[in-house]
Amino acid sequence: LKPTSALIYSGDEIIHPNFSENMHHEAELVLLIGKTIKNASEKE
């Protein structure tokens, strides 16, 4: 998990903490799951 405070919006400043010298970026596919599911089938 990541905290929702880690979410920034397009155009926001990316903060690079001073306690790290090696920040990398990766493109990710982001899904918004719109309902509660558990042990779901692929279709669900």
All heavy atoms as atom14 arrays in JSON, in Angstrom:
{
  "sequence": "LKPTSALIYSGDEIIHPNFSENMHHEAELVLLIGKTIKNASEKE",
  "atom14_mask": [
    [1, 1, 1, 1, 1, 1, 1, 1, 0, 0, 0, 0, 0, 0],
    [1, 1, 1, 1, 1, 1, 1, 1, 1, 0, 0, 0, 0, 0],
    [1, 1, 1, 1, 1, 1, 1, 0, 0, 0, 0, 0, 0, 0],
    [1, 1, 1, 1, 1, 1, 1, 0, 0, 0, 0, 0, 0, 0],
    [1, 1, 1, 1, 1, 1, 0, 0, 0, 0, 0, 0, 0, 0],
    [1, 1, 1, 1, 1, 0, 0, 0, 0, 0, 0, 0, 0, 0],
    [1, 1, 1, 1, 1, 1, 1, 1, 0, 0, 0, 0, 0, 0],
    [1, 1, 1, 1, 1, 1, 1, 1, 0, 0, 0, 0, 0, 0],
    [1, 1, 1, 1, 1, 1, 1, 1, 1, 1, 1, 1, 0, 0],
    [1, 1, 1, 1, 1, 1, 0, 0, 0, 0, 0, 0, 0, 0],
    [1, 1, 1, 1, 0, 0, 0, 0, 0, 0, 0, 0, 0, 0],
    [1, 1, 1, 1, 1, 1, 1, 1, 0, 0, 0, 0, 0, 0],
    [1, 1, 1, 1, 1, 1, 1, 1, 1, 0, 0, 0, 0, 0],
    [1, 1, 1, 1, 1, 1, 1, 1, 0, 0, 0, 0, 0, 0],
    [1, 1, 1, 1, 1, 1, 1, 1, 0, 0, 0, 0, 0, 0],
    [1, 1, 1, 1, 1, 1, 1, 1, 1, 1, 0, 0, 0, 0],
    [1, 1, 1, 1, 1, 1, 1, 0, 0, 0, 0, 0, 0, 0],
    [1, 1, 1, 1, 1, 1, 1, 1, 0, 0, 0, 0, 0, 0],
    [1, 1, 1, 1, 1, 1, 1, 1, 1, 1, 1, 0, 0, 0],
    [1, 1, 1, 1, 1, 1, 0, 0, 0, 0, 0, 0, 0, 0],
    [1, 1, 1, 1, 1, 1, 1, 1, 1, 0, 0, 0, 0, 0],
    [1, 1, 1, 1, 1, 1, 1, 1, 0, 0, 0, 0, 0, 0],
    [1, 1, 1, 1, 1, 1, 1, 1, 0, 0, 0, 0, 0, 0],
    [1, 1, 1, 1, 1, 1, 1, 1, 1, 1, 0, 0, 0, 0],
    [1, 1, 1, 1, 1, 1, 1, 1, 1, 1, 0, 0, 0, 0],
    [1, 1, 1, 1, 1, 1, 1, 1, 1, 0, 0, 0, 0, 0],
    [1, 1, 1, 1, 1, 0, 0, 0, 0, 0, 0, 0, 0, 0],
    [1, 1, 1, 1, 1, 1, 1, 1, 1, 0, 0, 0, 0, 0],
    [1, 1, 1, 1, 1, 1, 1, 1, 0, 0, 0, 0, 0, 0],
    [1, 1, 1, 1, 1, 1, 1, 0, 0, 0, 0, 0, 0, 0],
    [1, 1, 1, 1, 1, 1, 1, 1, 0, 0, 0, 0, 0, 0],
    [1, 1, 1, 1, 1, 1, 1, 1, 0, 0, 0, 0, 0, 0],
    [1, 1, 1, 1, 1, 1, 1, 1, 0, 0, 0, 0, 0, 0],
    [1, 1, 1, 1, 0, 0, 0, 0, 0, 0, 0, 0, 0, 0],
    [1, 1, 1, 1, 1, 1, 1, 1, 1, 0, 0, 0, 0, 0],
    [1, 1, 1, 1, 1, 1, 1, 0, 0, 0, 0, 0, 0, 0],
    [1, 1, 1, 1, 1, 1, 1, 1, 0, 0, 0, 0, 0, 0],
    [1, 1, 1, 1, 1, 1, 1, 1, 1, 0, 0, 0, 0, 0],
    [1, 1, 1, 1, 1, 1, 1, 1, 0, 0, 0, 0, 0, 0],
    [1, 1, 1, 1, 1, 0, 0, 0, 0, 0, 0, 0, 0, 0],
    [1, 1, 1, 1, 1, 1, 0, 0, 0, 0, 0, 0, 0, 0],
    [1, 1, 1, 1, 1, 1, 1, 1, 1, 0, 0, 0, 0, 0],
    [1, 1, 1, 1, 1, 1, 1, 1, 1, 0, 0, 0, 0, 0],
    [1, 1, 1, 1, 1, 1, 1, 1, 1, 0, 0, 0, 0, 0]
  ],
  "atom14_positions": [
    [[0.83, -1.2, 0.0], [0.0, 0.0, 0.0], [0.86, 1.25, 0.0], [1.98, 1.25, 0.51], [-0.89, 0.03, 1.25], [-1.86, -1.14, 1.43], [-2.57, -1.0, 2.77], [-2.85, -1.2, 0.31], [0.0, 0.0, 0.0], [0.0, 0.0, 0.0], [0.0, 0.0, 0.0], [0.0, 0.0, 0.0], [0.0, 0.0, 0.0], [0.0, 0.0, 0.0]],
    [[0.33, 2.32, -0.57], [0.92, 3.65, -0.45], [-0.16, 4.54, 0.14], [-1.35, 4.37, -0.15], [1.36, 4.19, -1.82], [2.6, 3.51, -2.35], [3.19, 4.27, -3.51], [4.49, 3.63, -3.96], [5.22, 4.45, -4.9], [0.0, 0.0, 0.0], [0.0, 0.0, 0.0], [0.0, 0.0, 0.0], [0.0, 0.0, 0.0], [0.0, 0.0, 0.0]],
    [[0.23, 5.53, 0.95], [-0.79, 6.42, 1.51], [-1.37, 7.32, 0.42], [-0.69, 7.65, -0.56], [-0.02, 7.24, 2.55], [1.4, 7.21, 2.06], [1.58, 5.88, 1.38], [0.0, 0.0, 0.0], [0.0, 0.0, 0.0], [0.0, 0.0, 0.0], [0.0, 0.0, 0.0], [0.0, 0.0, 0.0], [0.0, 0.0, 0.0], [0.0, 0.0, 0.0]],
    [[-2.6, 7.73, 0.59], [-3.2, 8.63, -0.4], [-2.47, 9.97, -0.45], [-2.53, 10.66, -1.46], [-4.7, 8.86, -0.13], [-4.86, 9.36, 1.2], [-5.49, 7.57, -0.28], [0.0, 0.0, 0.0], [0.0, 0.0, 0.0], [0.0, 0.0, 0.0], [0.0, 0.0, 0.0], [0.0, 0.0, 0.0], [0.0, 0.0, 0.0], [0.0, 0.0, 0.0]],
    [[-1.73, 10.3, 0.6], [-0.95, 11.55, 0.57], [0.18, 11.47, -0.45], [0.76, 12.5, -0.81], [-0.39, 11.86, 1.96], [0.46, 10.81, 2.4], [0.0, 0.0, 0.0], [0.0, 0.0, 0.0], [0.0, 0.0, 0.0], [0.0, 0.0, 0.0], [0.0, 0.0, 0.0], [0.0, 0.0, 0.0], [0.0, 0.0, 0.0], [0.0, 0.0, 0.0]],
    [[0.51, 10.28, -0.93], [1.56, 10.11, -1.95], [1.04, 10.5, -3.34], [1.83, 10.69, -4.26], [2.05, 8.67, -1.98], [0.0, 0.0, 0.0], [0.0, 0.0, 0.0], [0.0, 0.0, 0.0], [0.0, 0.0, 0.0], [0.0, 0.0, 0.0], [0.0, 0.0, 0.0], [0.0, 0.0, 0.0], [0.0, 0.0, 0.0], [0.0, 0.0, 0.0]],
    [[-0.25, 10.64, -3.48], [-0.85, 10.97, -4.77], [-0.72, 12.47, -5.05], [-1.12, 13.3, -4.23], [-2.34, 10.59, -4.76], [-3.16, 10.94, -5.98], [-2.66, 10.17, -7.2], [-4.63, 10.64, -5.72], [0.0, 0.0, 0.0], [0.0, 0.0, 0.0], [0.0, 0.0, 0.0], [0.0, 0.0, 0.0], [0.0, 0.0, 0.0], [0.0, 0.0, 0.0]],
    [[-0.1, 12.8, -6.18], [-0.06, 14.19, -6.61], [-0.68, 14.25, -8.0], [-0.77, 13.24, -8.7], [1.36, 14.79, -6.59], [2.28, 14.1, -7.59], [1.94, 14.76, -5.19], [3.63, 14.78, -7.75], [0.0, 0.0, 0.0], [0.0, 0.0, 0.0], [0.0, 0.0, 0.0], [0.0, 0.0, 0.0], [0.0, 0.0, 0.0], [0.0, 0.0, 0.0]],
    [[-1.09, 15.44, -8.39], [-1.79, 15.61, -9.65], [-0.86, 16.15, -10.73], [0.19, 16.72, -10.43], [-2.98, 16.54, -9.45], [-3.96, 16.02, -8.42], [-4.0, 16.58, -7.15], [-4.8, 14.96, -8.7], [-4.89, 16.1, -6.19], [-5.68, 14.47, -7.74], [-5.72, 15.04, -6.5], [-6.59, 14.57, -5.55], [0.0, 0.0, 0.0], [0.0, 0.0, 0.0]],
    [[-1.25, 16.0, -11.95], [-0.49, 16.5, -13.09], [-0.17, 17.97, -12.87], [-1.06, 18.77, -12.57], [-1.3, 16.31, -14.38], [-0.59, 16.79, -15.48], [0.0, 0.0, 0.0], [0.0, 0.0, 0.0], [0.0, 0.0, 0.0], [0.0, 0.0, 0.0], [0.0, 0.0, 0.0], [0.0, 0.0, 0.0], [0.0, 0.0, 0.0], [0.0, 0.0, 0.0]],
    [[1.1, 18.3, -12.99], [1.53, 19.68, -12.79], [2.02, 19.98, -11.39], [2.67, 21.0, -11.17], [0.0, 0.0, 0.0], [0.0, 0.0, 0.0], [0.0, 0.0, 0.0], [0.0, 0.0, 0.0], [0.0, 0.0, 0.0], [0.0, 0.0, 0.0], [0.0, 0.0, 0.0], [0.0, 0.0, 0.0], [0.0, 0.0, 0.0], [0.0, 0.0, 0.0]],
    [[1.72, 19.1, -10.42], [2.21, 19.3, -9.05], [3.72, 19.04, -8.99], [4.27, 18.32, -9.82], [1.52, 18.34, -8.07], [0.09, 18.73, -7.75], [-0.35, 19.81, -8.19], [-0.59, 17.93, -7.07], [0.0, 0.0, 0.0], [0.0, 0.0, 0.0], [0.0, 0.0, 0.0], [0.0, 0.0, 0.0], [0.0, 0.0, 0.0], [0.0, 0.0, 0.0]],
    [[4.35, 19.62, -8.0], [5.79, 19.44, -7.81], [6.07, 18.06, -7.22], [5.43, 17.63, -6.26], [6.34, 20.5, -6.86], [7.81, 20.38, -6.59], [8.33, 21.42, -5.61], [7.55, 22.3, -5.19], [9.51, 21.34, -5.27], [0.0, 0.0, 0.0], [0.0, 0.0, 0.0], [0.0, 0.0, 0.0], [0.0, 0.0, 0.0], [0.0, 0.0, 0.0]],
    [[7.05, 17.36, -7.8], [7.51, 16.09, -7.25], [8.57, 16.41, -6.21], [9.54, 17.11, -6.5], [8.09, 15.18, -8.35], [7.0, 14.81, -9.35], [8.73, 13.94, -7.73], [7.51, 14.09, -10.58], [0.0, 0.0, 0.0], [0.0, 0.0, 0.0], [0.0, 0.0, 0.0], [0.0, 0.0, 0.0], [0.0, 0.0, 0.0], [0.0, 0.0, 0.0]],
    [[8.37, 15.95, -5.0], [9.29, 16.24, -3.92], [10.33, 15.13, -3.82], [9.98, 13.96, -3.7], [8.55, 16.39, -2.57], [7.56, 17.56, -2.68], [9.52, 16.59, -1.43], [6.58, 17.64, -1.54], [0.0, 0.0, 0.0], [0.0, 0.0, 0.0], [0.0, 0.0, 0.0], [0.0, 0.0, 0.0], [0.0, 0.0, 0.0], [0.0, 0.0, 0.0]],
    [[11.6, 15.5, -3.91], [12.7, 14.55, -3.76], [13.29, 14.76, -2.37], [14.0, 15.74, -2.16], [13.75, 14.77, -4.85], [14.83, 13.74, -4.85], [15.66, 13.57, -5.91], [15.22, 12.83, -3.94], [16.52, 12.6, -5.65], [16.26, 12.15, -4.45], [0.0, 0.0, 0.0], [0.0, 0.0, 0.0], [0.0, 0.0, 0.0], [0.0, 0.0, 0.0]],
    [[13.02, 13.85, -1.43], [13.51, 14.05, -0.06], [15.03, 14.11, 0.0], [15.72, 13.42, -0.76], [13.0, 12.81, 0.69], [12.02, 12.16, -0.2], [12.29, 12.61, -1.58], [0.0, 0.0, 0.0], [0.0, 0.0, 0.0], [0.0, 0.0, 0.0], [0.0, 0.0, 0.0], [0.0, 0.0, 0.0], [0.0, 0.0, 0.0], [0.0, 0.0, 0.0]],
    [[15.55, 14.91, 0.92], [17.0, 15.08, 1.01], [17.7, 13.87, 1.62], [18.92, 13.8, 1.62], [17.35, 16.36, 1.78], [16.83, 16.36, 3.19], [16.31, 15.37, 3.68], [16.96, 17.49, 3.86], [0.0, 0.0, 0.0], [0.0, 0.0, 0.0], [0.0, 0.0, 0.0], [0.0, 0.0, 0.0], [0.0, 0.0, 0.0], [0.0, 0.0, 0.0]],
    [[16.96, 12.89, 2.12], [17.58, 11.7, 2.7], [17.78, 10.58, 1.67], [18.17, 9.47, 2.0], [16.78, 11.18, 3.91], [15.32, 10.94, 3.62], [14.89, 9.78, 3.0], [14.39, 11.89, 4.0], [13.54, 9.56, 2.75], [13.03, 11.68, 3.75], [12.62, 10.51, 3.13], [0.0, 0.0, 0.0], [0.0, 0.0, 0.0], [0.0, 0.0, 0.0]],
    [[17.51, 10.88, 0.4], [17.7, 9.9, -0.67], [18.47, 10.56, -1.82], [18.24, 11.72, -2.13], [16.34, 9.41, -1.19], [16.52, 8.63, -2.36], [0.0, 0.0, 0.0], [0.0, 0.0, 0.0], [0.0, 0.0, 0.0], [0.0, 0.0, 0.0], [0.0, 0.0, 0.0], [0.0, 0.0, 0.0], [0.0, 0.0, 0.0], [0.0, 0.0, 0.0]],
    [[19.34, 9.77, -2.42], [20.11, 10.27, -3.56], [19.81, 9.49, -4.83], [20.52, 9.65, -5.83], [21.61, 10.21, -3.24], [22.0, 11.11, -2.08], [23.48, 11.05, -1.76], [24.25, 10.47, -2.55], [23.86, 11.6, -0.72], [0.0, 0.0, 0.0], [0.0, 0.0, 0.0], [0.0, 0.0, 0.0], [0.0, 0.0, 0.0], [0.0, 0.0, 0.0]],
    [[18.8, 8.62, -4.81], [18.58, 7.73, -5.94], [17.08, 7.53, -6.18], [16.52, 6.49, -5.86], [19.27, 6.39, -5.67], [19.35, 5.52, -6.9], [19.02, 5.94, -8.0], [19.79, 4.29, -6.71], [0.0, 0.0, 0.0], [0.0, 0.0, 0.0], [0.0, 0.0, 0.0], [0.0, 0.0, 0.0], [0.0, 0.0, 0.0], [0.0, 0.0, 0.0]],
    [[16.44, 8.55, -6.75], [15.02, 8.47, -7.03], [14.82, 8.08, -8.5], [15.36, 8.72, -9.39], [14.31, 9.79, -6.74], [12.81, 9.72, -6.97], [11.87, 11.07, -6.21], [12.45, 12.48, -7.11], [0.0, 0.0, 0.0], [0.0, 0.0, 0.0], [0.0, 0.0, 0.0], [0.0, 0.0, 0.0], [0.0, 0.0, 0.0], [0.0, 0.0, 0.0]],
    [[14.06, 7.01, -8.72], [13.76, 6.53, -10.07], [12.27, 6.73, -10.35], [11.46, 6.82, -9.44], [14.07, 5.04, -10.19], [15.52, 4.74, -10.28], [16.02, 3.75, -11.08], [16.6, 5.3, -9.69], [17.33, 3.7, -10.97], [17.71, 4.62, -10.12], [0.0, 0.0, 0.0], [0.0, 0.0, 0.0], [0.0, 0.0, 0.0], [0.0, 0.0, 0.0]],
    [[11.93, 6.74, -11.63], [10.52, 6.83, -12.02], [10.17, 5.63, -12.9], [11.03, 5.08, -13.58], [10.24, 8.12, -12.77], [10.98, 8.23, -14.08], [12.28, 8.64, -14.15], [10.58, 7.95, -15.33], [12.66, 8.62, -15.42], [11.66, 8.21, -16.16], [0.0, 0.0, 0.0], [0.0, 0.0, 0.0], [0.0, 0.0, 0.0], [0.0, 0.0, 0.0]],
    [[8.93, 5.24, -12.82], [8.39, 4.16, -13.64], [6.99, 4.54, -14.08], [6.2, 5.04, -13.28], [8.3, 2.84, -12.85], [9.59, 2.31, -12.34], [9.39, 1.08, -11.45], [8.23, 0.72, -11.14], [10.4, 0.48, -11.06], [0.0, 0.0, 0.0], [0.0, 0.0, 0.0], [0.0, 0.0, 0.0], [0.0, 0.0, 0.0], [0.0, 0.0, 0.0]],
    [[6.68, 4.3, -15.34], [5.31, 4.49, -15.81], [4.48, 3.3, -15.33], [4.95, 2.17, -15.32], [5.28, 4.56, -17.33], [0.0, 0.0, 0.0], [0.0, 0.0, 0.0], [0.0, 0.0, 0.0], [0.0, 0.0, 0.0], [0.0, 0.0, 0.0], [0.0, 0.0, 0.0], [0.0, 0.0, 0.0], [0.0, 0.0, 0.0], [0.0, 0.0, 0.0]],
    [[3.29, 3.58, -14.88], [2.41, 2.55, -14.33], [1.01, 2.66, -14.92], [0.54, 3.75, -15.21], [2.29, 2.71, -12.8], [3.59, 2.64, -12.04], [4.16, 1.24, -11.91], [3.53, 0.27, -12.37], [5.26, 1.12, -11.35], [0.0, 0.0, 0.0], [0.0, 0.0, 0.0], [0.0, 0.0, 0.0], [0.0, 0.0, 0.0], [0.0, 0.0, 0.0]],
    [[0.37, 1.52, -15.08], [-1.05, 1.49, -15.41], [-1.8, 1.63, -14.09], [-1.52, 0.9, -13.13], [-1.43, 0.17, -16.09], [-2.92, -0.05, -16.34], [-3.46, 1.02, -17.28], [-3.17, -1.43, -16.91], [0.0, 0.0, 0.0], [0.0, 0.0, 0.0], [0.0, 0.0, 0.0], [0.0, 0.0, 0.0], [0.0, 0.0, 0.0], [0.0, 0.0, 0.0]],
    [[-2.71, 2.59, -14.02], [-3.47, 2.85, -12.8], [-4.92, 2.5, -13.05], [-5.52, 2.95, -14.02], [-3.34, 4.35, -12.41], [-4.16, 4.63, -11.15], [-1.89, 4.74, -12.22], [0.0, 0.0, 0.0], [0.0, 0.0, 0.0], [0.0, 0.0, 0.0], [0.0, 0.0, 0.0], [0.0, 0.0, 0.0], [0.0, 0.0, 0.0], [0.0, 0.0, 0.0]],
    [[-5.47, 1.68, -12.17], [-6.88, 1.3, -12.26], [-7.65, 1.89, -11.08], [-7.16, 1.85, -9.96], [-7.04, -0.22, -12.23], [-6.34, -1.02, -13.31], [-6.54, -2.51, -13.08], [-6.83, -0.62, -14.68], [0.0, 0.0, 0.0], [0.0, 0.0, 0.0], [0.0, 0.0, 0.0], [0.0, 0.0, 0.0], [0.0, 0.0, 0.0], [0.0, 0.0, 0.0]],
    [[-8.83, 2.4, -11.34], [-9.74, 2.81, -10.28], [-10.78, 1.71, -10.14], [-11.54, 1.44, -11.07], [-10.43, 4.14, -10.63], [-11.48, 4.6, -9.63], [-10.86, 4.9, -8.27], [-12.22, 5.81, -10.15], [0.0, 0.0, 0.0], [0.0, 0.0, 0.0], [0.0, 0.0, 0.0], [0.0, 0.0, 0.0], [0.0, 0.0, 0.0], [0.0, 0.0, 0.0]],
    [[-10.75, 1.05, -8.99], [-11.72, -0.02, -8.71], [-12.93, 0.64, -8.06], [-12.82, 1.24, -6.99], [-11.11, -1.1, -7.79], [-9.8, -1.64, -8.38], [-12.12, -2.23, -7.56], [-9.91, -2.25, -9.75], [0.0, 0.0, 0.0], [0.0, 0.0, 0.0], [0.0, 0.0, 0.0], [0.0, 0.0, 0.0], [0.0, 0.0, 0.0], [0.0, 0.0, 0.0]],
    [[-14.07, 0.53, -8.72], [-15.24, 1.29, -8.31], [-16.21, 0.6, -7.39], [-17.22, 1.19, -7.01], [0.0, 0.0, 0.0], [0.0, 0.0, 0.0], [0.0, 0.0, 0.0], [0.0, 0.0, 0.0], [0.0, 0.0, 0.0], [0.0, 0.0, 0.0], [0.0, 0.0, 0.0], [0.0, 0.0, 0.0], [0.0, 0.0, 0.0], [0.0, 0.0, 0.0]],
    [[-15.92, -0.65, -7.0], [-16.81, -1.32, -6.04], [-16.0, -2.33, -5.24], [-14.91, -2.74, -5.66], [-17.99, -1.98, -6.74], [-17.65, -3.02, -7.78], [-18.94, -3.54, -8.42], [-18.66, -4.38, -9.64], [-19.88, -4.84, -10.28], [0.0, 0.0, 0.0], [0.0, 0.0, 0.0], [0.0, 0.0, 0.0], [0.0, 0.0, 0.0], [0.0, 0.0, 0.0]],
    [[-16.53, -2.71, -4.11], [-15.86, -3.66, -3.25], [-15.96, -5.06, -3.85], [-17.06, -5.51, -4.19], [-16.5, -3.66, -1.84], [-16.4, -2.32, -1.31], [-15.8, -4.63, -0.92], [0.0, 0.0, 0.0], [0.0, 0.0, 0.0], [0.0, 0.0, 0.0], [0.0, 0.0, 0.0], [0.0, 0.0, 0.0], [0.0, 0.0, 0.0], [0.0, 0.0, 0.0]],
    [[-14.8, -5.7, -3.98], [-14.77, -7.07, -4.47], [-13.78, -7.87, -3.65], [-12.85, -7.31, -3.05], [-14.39, -7.16, -5.97], [-13.04, -6.49, -6.24], [-15.47, -6.56, -6.85], [-12.54, -6.68, -7.66], [0.0, 0.0, 0.0], [0.0, 0.0, 0.0], [0.0, 0.0, 0.0], [0.0, 0.0, 0.0], [0.0, 0.0, 0.0], [0.0, 0.0, 0.0]],
    [[-13.98, -9.16, -3.6], [-13.08, -10.05, -2.88], [-13.16, -11.42, -3.53], [-14.25, -11.91, -3.84], [-13.48, -10.14, -1.4], [-12.54, -10.98, -0.57], [-12.92, -10.93, 0.9], [-11.94, -11.75, 1.7], [-12.22, -11.69, 3.13], [0.0, 0.0, 0.0], [0.0, 0.0, 0.0], [0.0, 0.0, 0.0], [0.0, 0.0, 0.0], [0.0, 0.0, 0.0]],
    [[-11.98, -12.02, -3.75], [-11.92, -13.33, -4.4], [-12.74, -13.35, -5.68], [-13.5, -14.28, -5.95], [-12.4, -14.44, -3.44], [-11.56, -14.51, -2.19], [-10.34, -14.36, -2.25], [-12.18, -14.7, -1.05], [0.0, 0.0, 0.0], [0.0, 0.0, 0.0], [0.0, 0.0, 0.0], [0.0, 0.0, 0.0], [0.0, 0.0, 0.0], [0.0, 0.0, 0.0]],
    [[-12.6, -12.31, -6.46], [-13.41, -12.11, -7.66], [-12.92, -12.99, -8.81], [-11.74, -13.29, -8.93], [-13.37, -10.65, -8.07], [0.0, 0.0, 0.0], [0.0, 0.0, 0.0], [0.0, 0.0, 0.0], [0.0, 0.0, 0.0], [0.0, 0.0, 0.0], [0.0, 0.0, 0.0], [0.0, 0.0, 0.0], [0.0, 0.0, 0.0], [0.0, 0.0, 0.0]],
    [[-13.85, -13.34, -9.67], [-13.49, -14.0, -10.92], [-12.88, -12.94, -11.83], [-12.96, -11.74, -11.56], [-14.74, -14.58, -11.58], [-15.59, -13.53, -12.03], [0.0, 0.0, 0.0], [0.0, 0.0, 0.0], [0.0, 0.0, 0.0], [0.0, 0.0, 0.0], [0.0, 0.0, 0.0], [0.0, 0.0, 0.0], [0.0, 0.0, 0.0], [0.0, 0.0, 0.0]],
    [[-12.27, -13.38, -12.92], [-11.69, -12.43, -13.86], [-12.76, -11.48, -14.39], [-12.54, -10.28, -14.51], [-11.03, -13.19, -15.01], [-10.25, -12.31, -15.94], [-9.46, -13.09, -16.99], [-9.03, -14.21, -16.72], [-9.29, -12.54, -18.1], [0.0, 0.0, 0.0], [0.0, 0.0, 0.0], [0.0, 0.0, 0.0], [0.0, 0.0, 0.0], [0.0, 0.0, 0.0]],
    [[-13.94, -12.0, -14.67], [-15.04, -11.18, -15.19], [-15.5, -10.16, -14.15], [-15.7, -8.98, -14.46], [-16.21, -12.08, -15.61], [-17.39, -11.33, -16.23], [-18.47, -12.31, -16.67], [-19.54, -11.72, -17.5], [-20.39, -10.74, -16.94], [0.0, 0.0, 0.0], [0.0, 0.0, 0.0], [0.0, 0.0, 0.0], [0.0, 0.0, 0.0], [0.0, 0.0, 0.0]],
    [[-15.66, -10.6, -12.9], [-16.08, -9.69, -11.83], [-15.03, -8.59, -11.6], [-15.38, -7.42, -11.38], [-16.3, -10.45, -10.53], [-17.5, -11.38, -10.56], [-17.53, -12.34, -9.38], [-16.45, -12.8, -8.95], [-18.64, -12.61, -8.89], [0.0, 0.0, 0.0], [0.0, 0.0, 0.0], [0.0, 0.0, 0.0], [0.0, 0.0, 0.0], [0.0, 0.0, 0.0]]
  ]
}
